[in-house]
C-alpha atoms as a PDB file:
ATOM      1  CA  MET A   1      89.648  -0.637 -10.727  1.00  0.00           C
ATOM      2  CA  ARG A   2      91.067  -0.770  -7.344  1.00  0.00           C
ATOM      3  CA  GLY A   3      94.241   0.634  -8.401  1.00  0.00           C
ATOM      4  CA  LEU A   4      92.479   3.660  -9.959  1.00  0.00           C
ATOM      5  CA  GLU A   5      90.768   4.176  -6.576  1.00  0.00           C
ATOM      6  CA  ARG A   6      94.254   4.583  -4.807  1.00  0.00           C
ATOM      7  CA  ILE A   7      95.301   7.249  -7.297  1.00  0.00           C
ATOM      8  CA  ASN A   8      92.101   9.295  -7.366  1.00  0.00           C
ATOM      9  CA  TYR A   9      93.001  12.775  -6.329  1.00  0.00           C
ATOM     10  CA  ILE A  10      89.358  13.557  -4.993  1.00  0.00           C
ATOM     11  CA  ARG A  11      89.619  10.523  -2.676  1.00  0.00           C
ATOM     12  CA  ILE A  12      93.342  11.213  -1.684  1.00  0.00           C
ATOM     13  CA  GLY A  13      92.326  14.950  -0.949  1.00  0.00           C
ATOM     14  CA  PHE A  14      89.203  13.943   1.132  1.00  0.00           C
ATOM     15  CA  GLU A  15      91.425  11.426   3.122  1.00  0.00           C
ATOM     16  CA  LEU A  16      94.208  13.945   3.658  1.00  0.00           C
ATOM     17  CA  GLN A  17      91.649  16.686   4.818  1.00  0.00           C
ATOM     18  CA  ALA A  18      90.024  14.191   7.231  1.00  0.00           C
ATOM     19  CA  ILE A  19      93.526  13.404   8.686  1.00  0.00           C
ATOM     20  CA  ASN A  20      94.292  17.037   9.142  1.00  0.00           C
ATOM     21  CA  ILE A  21      91.008  17.721  10.873  1.00  0.00           C
ATOM     22  CA  TRP A  22      90.549  14.745  13.111  1.00  0.00           C
ATOM     23  CA  GLU A  23      94.182  13.338  13.998  1.00  0.00           C
ATOM     24  CA  ASP A  24      94.703  15.748  16.943  1.00  0.00           C
ATOM     25  CA  VAL A  25      91.069  15.700  18.273  1.00  0.00           C
ATOM     26  CA  ASP A  26      91.596  14.201  21.815  1.00  0.00           C
ATOM     27  CA  GLU A  27      87.753  14.218  22.626  1.00  0.00           C
ATOM     28  CA  VAL A  28      84.702  14.430  20.340  1.00  0.00           C
ATOM     29  CA  GLN A  29      82.054  16.624  22.026  1.00  0.00           C
ATOM     30  CA  CYS A  30      78.474  15.535  21.875  1.00  0.00           C
ATOM     31  CA  GLU A  31      75.228  17.011  23.234  1.00  0.00           C
ATOM     32  CA  ASP A  32      73.824  15.543  26.491  1.00  0.00           C
ATOM     33  CA  ASP A  33      70.855  13.975  24.531  1.00  0.00           C
ATOM     34  CA  GLU A  34      73.201  12.494  21.755  1.00  0.00           C
ATOM     35  CA  LEU A  35      74.755   9.112  21.559  1.00  0.00           C
ATOM     36  CA  CYS A  36      78.443   9.625  21.078  1.00  0.00           C
ATOM     37  CA  VAL A  37      79.817   6.773  18.794  1.00  0.00           C
ATOM     38  CA  PHE A  38      83.399   8.130  18.555  1.00  0.00           C
ATOM     39  CA  GLY A  39      85.535   9.104  21.623  1.00  0.00           C
ATOM     40  CA  THR A  40      88.477  10.651  19.750  1.00  0.00           C
ATOM     41  CA  GLY A  41      89.335  11.839  16.402  1.00  0.00           C
ATOM     42  CA  LYS A  42      91.621   8.818  15.853  1.00  0.00           C
ATOM     43  CA  ASP A  43      88.468   6.709  16.317  1.00  0.00           C
ATOM     44  CA  ILE A  44      86.861   8.308  13.431  1.00  0.00           C
ATOM     45  CA  LEU A  45      89.960   7.822  11.159  1.00  0.00           C
ATOM     46  CA  LYS A  46      90.090   4.061  12.152  1.00  0.00           C
ATOM     47  CA  PHE A  47      86.442   3.754  11.463  1.00  0.00           C
ATOM     48  CA  TYR A  48      86.841   5.142   7.791  1.00  0.00           C
ATOM     49  CA  GLY A  49      90.171   3.185   7.472  1.00  0.00           C
ATOM     50  CA  PHE A  50      92.288   6.347   6.856  1.00  0.00           C
ATOM     51  CA  ASP A  51      95.907   5.968   7.984  1.00  0.00           C
ATOM     52  CA  ALA A  52      97.571   9.031   8.986  1.00  0.00           C
ATOM     53  CA  ASP A  53     101.024   7.055   8.255  1.00  0.00           C
ATOM     54  CA  ARG A  54     100.253   7.222   4.528  1.00  0.00           C
ATOM     55  CA  ARG A  55     100.015  10.996   4.666  1.00  0.00           C
ATOM     56  CA  PHE A  56     103.496  11.388   3.062  1.00  0.00           C
ATOM     57  CA  TRP A  57     102.784   9.153   0.106  1.00  0.00           C
ATOM     58  CA  TYR A  58      99.369  10.926  -0.464  1.00  0.00           C
ATOM     59  CA  TYR A  59     101.246  14.110  -0.864  1.00  0.00           C
ATOM     60  CA  VAL A  60     103.632  12.679  -3.081  1.00  0.00           C
ATOM     61  CA  THR A  61     101.046  11.130  -5.044  1.00  0.00           C
ATOM     62  CA  MET A  62      99.145  14.456  -5.369  1.00  0.00           C
ATOM     63  CA  VAL A  63     102.228  16.365  -6.481  1.00  0.00           C
ATOM     64  CA  ALA A  64     103.141  13.769  -9.063  1.00  0.00           C
ATOM     65  CA  GLN A  65      99.471  14.011 -10.397  1.00  0.00           C
ATOM     66  CA  ILE A  66      99.652  17.667 -10.662  1.00  0.00           C
ATOM     67  CA  ILE A  67     103.100  17.628 -12.506  1.00  0.00           C
ATOM     68  CA  VAL A  68     101.873  14.821 -14.983  1.00  0.00           C
ATOM     69  CA  LEU A  69      98.601  16.314 -15.685  1.00  0.00           C
ATOM     70  CA  ARG A  70      99.909  19.919 -16.109  1.00  0.00           C
ATOM     71  CA  THR A  71     102.587  18.569 -18.361  1.00  0.00           C
ATOM     72  CA  ALA A  72     100.325  16.597 -20.505  1.00  0.00           C
ATOM     73  CA  ALA A  73      98.012  19.590 -20.785  1.00  0.00           C
ATOM     74  CA  PHE A  74     101.006  21.956 -21.755  1.00  0.00           C
ATOM     75  CA  LEU A  75     102.084  19.203 -24.521  1.00  0.00           C
ATOM     76  CA  ILE A  76      98.487  18.895 -25.900  1.00  0.00           C
ATOM     77  CA  ILE A  77      98.065  22.665 -26.183  1.00  0.00           C
ATOM     78  CA  ASP A  78     101.587  23.265 -27.489  1.00  0.00           C
ATOM     79  CA  LYS A  79     100.886  20.572 -30.333  1.00  0.00           C
ATOM     80  CA  LYS A  80      97.527  22.100 -31.060  1.00  0.00           C
ATOM     81  CA  ALA A  81      98.973  25.521 -31.325  1.00  0.00           C
ATOM     82  CA  ARG A  82     101.911  24.368 -33.574  1.00  0.00           C
ATOM     83  CA  SER A  83      99.317  22.916 -35.934  1.00  0.00           C
ATOM     84  CA  TYR A  84      97.875  26.277 -36.483  1.00  0.00           C
ATOM     85  CA  PHE A  85     101.124  27.804 -37.777  1.00  0.00           C
END
């Protein structure tokens, strides 16, 4: 099951979005009466175990999944359509 987690497009998309949002944040702003747990965006990414260095491979995985899933869908629909004629 661990391997499926690594190619889950929802997880990959969430991690990519978090990296895009938090990577360049130098200071996390908190209200005066709130406890600031994280100082920077990189602290947040580290807490969740998100690694910005893997970003390229996540994009490659997402594109590969799109190509494979769309090709499979096309072939299934094509096979179904041919069976009607």
